[in-house]
Amino acid sequence: MPKLPRITAKEAEKLLLDAGFIQIRSKGSHRVYRLAEIRVVIPFHPGKILHPKIIRQVIAAIQPAENDIINDDISSDDSDELTNE
């Protein structure tokens, strides 16, 4: 297994927001993001590197979201081709 990237909470937040997640709440230093049924909690301490377990959770949450976006694009392209014929 390749090494995980060392990222900060701010970088993880950017990845989540770019993948379509929205921040639903925060309490203290913890911010909670959600996309459909997927929920991710990030301990937000600016400038500090996140624990590898948190990084794995962020990556696991982003991958299904990206696959859904790709599948939606493919299915919409197929429907366009069917209507053009």
PDB file of N, CA and C in Angstrom:
ATOM      1  N   MET A   1       0.843  -1.173   0.000  1.00  0.00           N
ATOM      2  CA  MET A   1       0.000   0.000   0.000  1.00  0.00           C
ATOM      3  C   MET A   1       0.895   1.244   0.000  1.00  0.00           C
ATOM      4  N   PRO A   2       0.603   2.215  -0.887  1.00  0.00           N
ATOM      5  CA  PRO A   2       1.437   3.413  -0.942  1.00  0.00           C
ATOM      6  C   PRO A   2       1.239   4.262   0.311  1.00  0.00           C
ATOM      7  N   LYS A   3       2.240   5.088   0.589  1.00  0.00           N
ATOM      8  CA  LYS A   3       2.149   5.972   1.744  1.00  0.00           C
ATOM      9  C   LYS A   3       1.041   6.997   1.528  1.00  0.00           C
ATOM     10  N   LEU A   4       0.394   7.343   2.608  1.00  0.00           N
ATOM     11  CA  LEU A   4      -0.647   8.363   2.543  1.00  0.00           C
ATOM     12  C   LEU A   4      -0.009   9.747   2.482  1.00  0.00           C
ATOM     13  N   PRO A   5      -0.652  10.677   1.773  1.00  0.00           N
ATOM     14  CA  PRO A   5      -0.114  12.036   1.748  1.00  0.00           C
ATOM     15  C   PRO A   5      -0.278  12.689   3.120  1.00  0.00           C
ATOM     16  N   ARG A   6       0.630  13.569   3.448  1.00  0.00           N
ATOM     17  CA  ARG A   6       0.530  14.311   4.707  1.00  0.00           C
ATOM     18  C   ARG A   6      -0.192  15.616   4.398  1.00  0.00           C
ATOM     19  N   ILE A   7      -1.426  15.731   4.888  1.00  0.00           N
ATOM     20  CA  ILE A   7      -2.221  16.921   4.593  1.00  0.00           C
ATOM     21  C   ILE A   7      -2.730  17.549   5.888  1.00  0.00           C
ATOM     22  N   THR A   8      -3.027  18.834   5.790  1.00  0.00           N
ATOM     23  CA  THR A   8      -3.580  19.565   6.927  1.00  0.00           C
ATOM     24  C   THR A   8      -5.104  19.531   6.853  1.00  0.00           C
ATOM     25  N   ALA A   9      -5.742  20.011   7.898  1.00  0.00           N
ATOM     26  CA  ALA A   9      -7.203  20.055   7.930  1.00  0.00           C
ATOM     27  C   ALA A   9      -7.737  20.975   6.832  1.00  0.00           C
ATOM     28  N   LYS A  10      -7.046  22.061   6.587  1.00  0.00           N
ATOM     29  CA  LYS A  10      -7.491  22.998   5.546  1.00  0.00           C
ATOM     30  C   LYS A  10      -7.459  22.333   4.164  1.00  0.00           C
ATOM     31  N   GLU A  11      -6.421  21.544   3.889  1.00  0.00           N
ATOM     32  CA  GLU A  11      -6.326  20.831   2.609  1.00  0.00           C
ATOM     33  C   GLU A  11      -7.408  19.753   2.512  1.00  0.00           C
ATOM     34  N   ALA A  12      -7.676  19.061   3.616  1.00  0.00           N
ATOM     35  CA  ALA A  12      -8.730  18.039   3.628  1.00  0.00           C
ATOM     36  C   ALA A  12     -10.091  18.688   3.397  1.00  0.00           C
ATOM     37  N   GLU A  13     -10.301  19.843   4.004  1.00  0.00           N
ATOM     38  CA  GLU A  13     -11.558  20.565   3.819  1.00  0.00           C
ATOM     39  C   GLU A  13     -11.747  20.941   2.351  1.00  0.00           C
ATOM     40  N   LYS A  14     -10.691  21.409   1.707  1.00  0.00           N
ATOM     41  CA  LYS A  14     -10.776  21.775   0.289  1.00  0.00           C
ATOM     42  C   LYS A  14     -11.127  20.562  -0.564  1.00  0.00           C
ATOM     43  N   LEU A  15     -10.511  19.413  -0.274  1.00  0.00           N
ATOM     44  CA  LEU A  15     -10.822  18.191  -1.017  1.00  0.00           C
ATOM     45  C   LEU A  15     -12.295  17.815  -0.866  1.00  0.00           C
ATOM     46  N   LEU A  16     -12.799  17.891   0.354  1.00  0.00           N
ATOM     47  CA  LEU A  16     -14.195  17.533   0.603  1.00  0.00           C
ATOM     48  C   LEU A  16     -15.151  18.498  -0.096  1.00  0.00           C
ATOM     49  N   LEU A  17     -14.886  19.789   0.012  1.00  0.00           N
ATOM     50  CA  LEU A  17     -15.762  20.776  -0.620  1.00  0.00           C
ATOM     51  C   LEU A  17     -15.743  20.646  -2.138  1.00  0.00           C
ATOM     52  N   ASP A  18     -14.571  20.377  -2.713  1.00  0.00           N
ATOM     53  CA  ASP A  18     -14.465  20.189  -4.162  1.00  0.00           C
ATOM     54  C   ASP A  18     -15.214  18.943  -4.626  1.00  0.00           C
ATOM     55  N   ALA A  19     -15.340  17.946  -3.743  1.00  0.00           N
ATOM     56  CA  ALA A  19     -16.048  16.708  -4.082  1.00  0.00           C
ATOM     57  C   ALA A  19     -17.557  16.848  -3.883  1.00  0.00           C
ATOM     58  N   GLY A  20     -18.013  18.013  -3.400  1.00  0.00           N
ATOM     59  CA  GLY A  20     -19.443  18.235  -3.257  1.00  0.00           C
ATOM     60  C   GLY A  20     -19.971  18.144  -1.835  1.00  0.00           C
ATOM     61  N   PHE A  21     -19.113  17.919  -0.873  1.00  0.00           N
ATOM     62  CA  PHE A  21     -19.541  17.856   0.522  1.00  0.00           C
ATOM     63  C   PHE A  21     -19.894  19.255   1.005  1.00  0.00           C
ATOM     64  N   ILE A  22     -20.786  19.334   1.986  1.00  0.00           N
ATOM     65  CA  ILE A  22     -21.097  20.616   2.612  1.00  0.00           C
ATOM     66  C   ILE A  22     -20.862  20.491   4.112  1.00  0.00           C
ATOM     67  N   GLN A  23     -20.456  21.594   4.718  1.00  0.00           N
ATOM     68  CA  GLN A  23     -20.255  21.594   6.166  1.00  0.00           C
ATOM     69  C   GLN A  23     -21.621  21.741   6.809  1.00  0.00           C
ATOM     70  N   ILE A  24     -22.001  20.758   7.620  1.00  0.00           N
ATOM     71  CA  ILE A  24     -23.326  20.815   8.231  1.00  0.00           C
ATOM     72  C   ILE A  24     -23.298  21.372   9.646  1.00  0.00           C
ATOM     73  N   ARG A  25     -22.187  21.213  10.342  1.00  0.00           N
ATOM     74  CA  ARG A  25     -22.091  21.786  11.685  1.00  0.00           C
ATOM     75  C   ARG A  25     -20.645  21.742  12.167  1.00  0.00           C
ATOM     76  N   SER A  26     -20.413  22.435  13.270  1.00  0.00           N
ATOM     77  CA  SER A  26     -19.106  22.366  13.923  1.00  0.00           C
ATOM     78  C   SER A  26     -19.311  22.536  15.419  1.00  0.00           C
ATOM     79  N   LYS A  27     -18.418  21.943  16.177  1.00  0.00           N
ATOM     80  CA  LYS A  27     -18.454  22.081  17.630  1.00  0.00           C
ATOM     81  C   LYS A  27     -17.012  22.069  18.104  1.00  0.00           C
ATOM     82  N   GLY A  28     -16.605  23.158  18.691  1.00  0.00           N
ATOM     83  CA  GLY A  28     -15.210  23.268  19.092  1.00  0.00           C
ATOM     84  C   GLY A  28     -14.330  23.269  17.854  1.00  0.00           C
ATOM     85  N   SER A  29     -13.371  22.357  17.814  1.00  0.00           N
ATOM     86  CA  SER A  29     -12.457  22.300  16.675  1.00  0.00           C
ATOM     87  C   SER A  29     -12.873  21.261  15.639  1.00  0.00           C
ATOM     88  N   HIS A  30     -14.008  20.591  15.838  1.00  0.00           N
ATOM     89  CA  HIS A  30     -14.430  19.539  14.913  1.00  0.00           C
ATOM     90  C   HIS A  30     -15.477  20.072  13.939  1.00  0.00           C
ATOM     91  N   ARG A  31     -15.242  19.820  12.661  1.00  0.00           N
ATOM     92  CA  ARG A  31     -16.182  20.214  11.616  1.00  0.00           C
ATOM     93  C   ARG A  31     -16.734  18.955  10.967  1.00  0.00           C
ATOM     94  N   VAL A  32     -18.049  18.951  10.726  1.00  0.00           N
ATOM     95  CA  VAL A  32     -18.722  17.780  10.170  1.00  0.00           C
ATOM     96  C   VAL A  32     -19.200  18.125   8.765  1.00  0.00           C
ATOM     97  N   TYR A  33     -18.845  17.262   7.806  1.00  0.00           N
ATOM     98  CA  TYR A  33     -19.205  17.443   6.404  1.00  0.00           C
ATOM     99  C   TYR A  33     -20.075  16.276   5.973  1.00  0.00           C
ATOM    100  N   ARG A  34     -21.014  16.537   5.046  1.00  0.00           N
ATOM    101  CA  ARG A  34     -21.909  15.479   4.597  1.00  0.00           C
ATOM    102  C   ARG A  34     -22.169  15.604   3.097  1.00  0.00           C
ATOM    103  N   LEU A  35     -22.285  14.432   2.472  1.00  0.00           N
ATOM    104  CA  LEU A  35     -22.721  14.320   1.085  1.00  0.00           C
ATOM    105  C   LEU A  35     -23.584  13.077   1.027  1.00  0.00           C
ATOM    106  N   ALA A  36     -24.882  13.261   0.825  1.00  0.00           N
ATOM    107  CA  ALA A  36     -25.846  12.152   0.834  1.00  0.00           C
ATOM    108  C   ALA A  36     -25.746  11.417   2.170  1.00  0.00           C
ATOM    109  N   GLU A  37     -25.387  10.150   2.158  1.00  0.00           N
ATOM    110  CA  GLU A  37     -25.304   9.352   3.382  1.00  0.00           C
ATOM    111  C   GLU A  37     -23.895   9.322   3.978  1.00  0.00           C
ATOM    112  N   ILE A  38     -22.944   9.975   3.339  1.00  0.00           N
ATOM    113  CA  ILE A  38     -21.550   9.933   3.788  1.00  0.00           C
ATOM    114  C   ILE A  38     -21.279  11.119   4.711  1.00  0.00           C
ATOM    115  N   ARG A  39     -20.737  10.829   5.898  1.00  0.00           N
ATOM    116  CA  ARG A  39     -20.424  11.870   6.873  1.00  0.00           C
ATOM    117  C   ARG A  39     -18.950  11.760   7.246  1.00  0.00           C
ATOM    118  N   VAL A  40     -18.265  12.908   7.276  1.00  0.00           N
ATOM    119  CA  VAL A  40     -16.844  12.942   7.628  1.00  0.00           C
ATOM    120  C   VAL A  40     -16.638  14.026   8.680  1.00  0.00           C
ATOM    121  N   VAL A  41     -15.902  13.682   9.736  1.00  0.00           N
ATOM    122  CA  VAL A  41     -15.575  14.636  10.795  1.00  0.00           C
ATOM    123  C   VAL A  41     -14.081  14.940  10.714  1.00  0.00           C
ATOM    124  N   ILE A  42     -13.753  16.228  10.647  1.00  0.00           N
ATOM    125  CA  ILE A  42     -12.358  16.667  10.572  1.00  0.00           C
ATOM    126  C   ILE A  42     -12.031  17.476  11.825  1.00  0.00           C
ATOM    127  N   PRO A  43     -11.001  17.068  12.580  1.00  0.00           N
ATOM    128  CA  PRO A  43     -10.536  17.919  13.675  1.00  0.00           C
ATOM    129  C   PRO A  43      -9.733  19.069  13.063  1.00  0.00           C
ATOM    130  N   PHE A  44     -10.223  20.279  13.210  1.00  0.00           N
ATOM    131  CA  PHE A  44      -9.659  21.414  12.486  1.00  0.00           C
ATOM    132  C   PHE A  44      -8.698  22.204  13.367  1.00  0.00           C
ATOM    133  N   HIS A  45      -7.413  21.886  13.233  1.00  0.00           N
ATOM    134  CA  HIS A  45      -6.347  22.608  13.916  1.00  0.00           C
ATOM    135  C   HIS A  45      -5.419  23.130  12.820  1.00  0.00           C
ATOM    136  N   PRO A  46      -5.600  24.393  12.394  1.00  0.00           N
ATOM    137  CA  PRO A  46      -4.847  24.917  11.254  1.00  0.00           C
ATOM    138  C   PRO A  46      -3.336  24.720  11.395  1.00  0.00           C
ATOM    139  N   GLY A  47      -2.741  24.249  10.309  1.00  0.00           N
ATOM    140  CA  GLY A  47      -1.297  24.073  10.270  1.00  0.00           C
ATOM    141  C   GLY A  47      -0.805  22.725  10.757  1.00  0.00           C
ATOM    142  N   LYS A  48      -1.643  21.956  11.440  1.00  0.00           N
ATOM    143  CA  LYS A  48      -1.223  20.646  11.941  1.00  0.00           C
ATOM    144  C   LYS A  48      -1.585  19.564  10.934  1.00  0.00           C
ATOM    145  N   ILE A  49      -0.736  18.551  10.850  1.00  0.00           N
ATOM    146  CA  ILE A  49      -0.955  17.426   9.945  1.00  0.00           C
ATOM    147  C   ILE A  49      -1.996  16.488  10.556  1.00  0.00           C
ATOM    148  N   LEU A  50      -2.930  16.024   9.723  1.00  0.00           N
ATOM    149  CA  LEU A  50      -3.959  15.102  10.201  1.00  0.00           C
ATOM    150  C   LEU A  50      -3.387  13.709  10.436  1.00  0.00           C
ATOM    151  N   HIS A  51      -3.995  12.988  11.339  1.00  0.00           N
ATOM    152  CA  HIS A  51      -3.620  11.603  11.622  1.00  0.00           C
ATOM    153  C   HIS A  51      -3.929  10.758  10.380  1.00  0.00           C
ATOM    154  N   PRO A  52      -3.110   9.757  10.073  1.00  0.00           N
ATOM    155  CA  PRO A  52      -3.349   8.913   8.890  1.00  0.00           C
ATOM    156  C   PRO A  52      -4.741   8.278   8.845  1.00  0.00           C
ATOM    157  N   LYS A  53      -5.313   7.962   9.999  1.00  0.00           N
ATOM    158  CA  LYS A  53      -6.658   7.382  10.031  1.00  0.00           C
ATOM    159  C   LYS A  53      -7.689   8.366   9.472  1.00  0.00           C
ATOM    160  N   ILE A  54      -7.562   9.636   9.815  1.00  0.00           N
ATOM    161  CA  ILE A  54      -8.470  10.669   9.315  1.00  0.00           C
ATOM    162  C   ILE A  54      -8.274  10.843   7.811  1.00  0.00           C
ATOM    163  N   ILE A  55      -7.028  10.825   7.360  1.00  0.00           N
ATOM    164  CA  ILE A  55      -6.739  10.969   5.929  1.00  0.00           C
ATOM    165  C   ILE A  55      -7.375   9.818   5.152  1.00  0.00           C
ATOM    166  N   ARG A  56      -7.286   8.591   5.679  1.00  0.00           N
ATOM    167  CA  ARG A  56      -7.921   7.437   5.024  1.00  0.00           C
ATOM    168  C   ARG A  56      -9.431   7.625   4.930  1.00  0.00           C
ATOM    169  N   GLN A  57     -10.051   8.159   5.977  1.00  0.00           N
ATOM    170  CA  GLN A  57     -11.494   8.396   5.966  1.00  0.00           C
ATOM    171  C   GLN A  57     -11.877   9.428   4.909  1.00  0.00           C
ATOM    172  N   VAL A  58     -11.076  10.473   4.779  1.00  0.00           N
ATOM    173  CA  VAL A  58     -11.352  11.507   3.776  1.00  0.00           C
ATOM    174  C   VAL A  58     -11.242  10.917   2.375  1.00  0.00           C
ATOM    175  N   ILE A  59     -10.180  10.159   2.117  1.00  0.00           N
ATOM    176  CA  ILE A  59      -9.983   9.552   0.798  1.00  0.00           C
ATOM    177  C   ILE A  59     -11.110   8.573   0.487  1.00  0.00           C
ATOM    178  N   ALA A  60     -11.493   7.755   1.461  1.00  0.00           N
ATOM    179  CA  ALA A  60     -12.577   6.788   1.258  1.00  0.00           C
ATOM    180  C   ALA A  60     -13.902   7.491   0.989  1.00  0.00           C
ATOM    181  N   ALA A  61     -14.132   8.631   1.613  1.00  0.00           N
ATOM    182  CA  ALA A  61     -15.372   9.372   1.407  1.00  0.00           C
ATOM    183  C   ALA A  61     -15.398  10.050   0.044  1.00  0.00           C
ATOM    184  N   ILE A  62     -14.251  10.516  -0.412  1.00  0.00           N
ATOM    185  CA  ILE A  62     -14.190  11.234  -1.685  1.00  0.00           C
ATOM    186  C   ILE A  62     -14.318  10.287  -2.871  1.00  0.00           C
ATOM    187  N   GLN A  63     -13.742   9.114  -2.809  1.00  0.00           N
ATOM    188  CA  GLN A  63     -13.751   8.203  -3.956  1.00  0.00           C
ATOM    189  C   GLN A  63     -15.155   7.826  -4.417  1.00  0.00           C
ATOM    190  N   PRO A  64     -16.090   7.432  -3.537  1.00  0.00           N
ATOM    191  CA  PRO A  64     -17.442   7.136  -4.027  1.00  0.00           C
ATOM    192  C   PRO A  64     -18.116   8.365  -4.617  1.00  0.00           C
ATOM    193  N   ALA A  65     -17.853   9.534  -4.053  1.00  0.00           N
ATOM    194  CA  ALA A  65     -18.447  10.764  -4.568  1.00  0.00           C
ATOM    195  C   ALA A  65     -17.957  11.034  -5.985  1.00  0.00           C
ATOM    196  N   GLU A  66     -16.667  10.837  -6.244  1.00  0.00           N
ATOM    197  CA  GLU A  66     -16.126  11.044  -7.583  1.00  0.00           C
ATOM    198  C   GLU A  66     -16.680  10.013  -8.558  1.00  0.00           C
ATOM    199  N   ASN A  67     -16.846   8.772  -8.118  1.00  0.00           N
ATOM    200  CA  ASN A  67     -17.403   7.736  -8.986  1.00  0.00           C
ATOM    201  C   ASN A  67     -18.837   8.065  -9.370  1.00  0.00           C
ATOM    202  N   ASP A  68     -19.633   8.611  -8.439  1.00  0.00           N
ATOM    203  CA  ASP A  68     -21.003   9.000  -8.746  1.00  0.00           C
ATOM    204  C   ASP A  68     -21.027  10.114  -9.779  1.00  0.00           C
ATOM    205  N   ILE A  69     -20.125  11.077  -9.640  1.00  0.00           N
ATOM    206  CA  ILE A  69     -20.059  12.182 -10.599  1.00  0.00           C
ATOM    207  C   ILE A  69     -19.694  11.651 -11.980  1.00  0.00           C
ATOM    208  N   ILE A  70     -18.721  10.763 -12.051  1.00  0.00           N
ATOM    209  CA  ILE A  70     -18.306  10.184 -13.329  1.00  0.00           C
ATOM    210  C   ILE A  70     -19.446   9.387 -13.941  1.00  0.00           C
ATOM    211  N   ASN A  71     -20.129   8.569 -13.146  1.00  0.00           N
ATOM    212  CA  ASN A  71     -21.241   7.767 -13.651  1.00  0.00           C
ATOM    213  C   ASN A  71     -22.385   8.642 -14.132  1.00  0.00           C
ATOM    214  N   ASP A  72     -22.674   9.742 -13.438  1.00  0.00           N
ATOM    215  CA  ASP A  72     -23.718  10.660 -13.876  1.00  0.00           C
ATOM    216  C   ASP A  72     -23.352  11.288 -15.212  1.00  0.00           C
ATOM    217  N   ASP A  73     -22.077  11.666 -15.388  1.00  0.00           N
ATOM    218  CA  ASP A  73     -21.632  12.247 -16.648  1.00  0.00           C
ATOM    219  C   ASP A  73     -21.766  11.241 -17.784  1.00  0.00           C
ATOM    220  N   ILE A  74     -21.404  10.003 -17.543  1.00  0.00           N
ATOM    221  CA  ILE A  74     -21.483   8.970 -18.575  1.00  0.00           C
ATOM    222  C   ILE A  74     -22.931   8.704 -18.948  1.00  0.00           C
ATOM    223  N   SER A  75     -23.807   8.582 -17.958  1.00  0.00           N
ATOM    224  CA  SER A  75     -25.209   8.288 -18.253  1.00  0.00           C
ATOM    225  C   SER A  75     -25.872   9.458 -18.967  1.00  0.00           C
ATOM    226  N   SER A  76     -25.509  10.692 -18.645  1.00  0.00           N
ATOM    227  CA  SER A  76     -26.091  11.837 -19.345  1.00  0.00           C
ATOM    228  C   SER A  76     -25.565  11.915 -20.778  1.00  0.00           C
ATOM    229  N   ASP A  77     -24.311  11.506 -21.011  1.00  0.00           N
ATOM    230  CA  ASP A  77     -23.779  11.462 -22.369  1.00  0.00           C
ATOM    231  C   ASP A  77     -24.502  10.413 -23.191  1.00  0.00           C
ATOM    232  N   ASP A  78     -24.808   9.266 -22.611  1.00  0.00           N
ATOM    233  CA  ASP A  78     -25.528   8.210 -23.311  1.00  0.00           C
ATOM    234  C   ASP A  78     -26.933   8.651 -23.673  1.00  0.00           C
ATOM    235  N   SER A  79     -27.600   9.361 -22.784  1.00  0.00           N
ATOM    236  CA  SER A  79     -28.961   9.805 -23.071  1.00  0.00           C
ATOM    237  C   SER A  79     -28.954  10.861 -24.170  1.00  0.00           C
ATOM    238  N   ASP A  80     -27.912  11.689 -24.242  1.00  0.00           N
ATOM    239  CA  ASP A  80     -27.804  12.677 -25.312  1.00  0.00           C
ATOM    240  C   ASP A  80     -27.663  11.988 -26.662  1.00  0.00           C
ATOM    241  N   GLU A  81     -26.878  10.914 -26.699  1.00  0.00           N
ATOM    242  CA  GLU A  81     -26.684  10.190 -27.949  1.00  0.00           C
ATOM    243  C   GLU A  81     -27.978   9.539 -28.405  1.00  0.00           C
ATOM    244  N   LEU A  82     -28.769   9.037 -27.479  1.00  0.00           N
ATOM    245  CA  LEU A  82     -30.018   8.380 -27.833  1.00  0.00           C
ATOM    246  C   LEU A  82     -31.028   9.376 -28.383  1.00  0.00           C
ATOM    247  N   THR A  83     -31.058  10.585 -27.867  1.00  0.00           N
ATOM    248  CA  THR A  83     -32.017  11.576 -28.339  1.00  0.00           C
ATOM    249  C   THR A  83     -31.593  12.172 -29.674  1.00  0.00           C
ATOM    250  N   ASN A  84     -30.320  12.153 -29.995  1.00  0.00           N
ATOM    251  CA  ASN A  84     -29.832  12.712 -31.251  1.00  0.00           C
ATOM    252  C   ASN A  84     -30.065  11.780 -32.430  1.00  0.00           C
ATOM    253  N   GLU A  85     -30.332  10.507 -32.179  1.00  0.00           N
ATOM    254  CA  GLU A  85     -30.486   9.550 -33.282  1.00  0.00           C
ATOM    255  C   GLU A  85     -31.824   9.632 -33.934  1.00  0.00           C
TER     256      GLU A  85
END
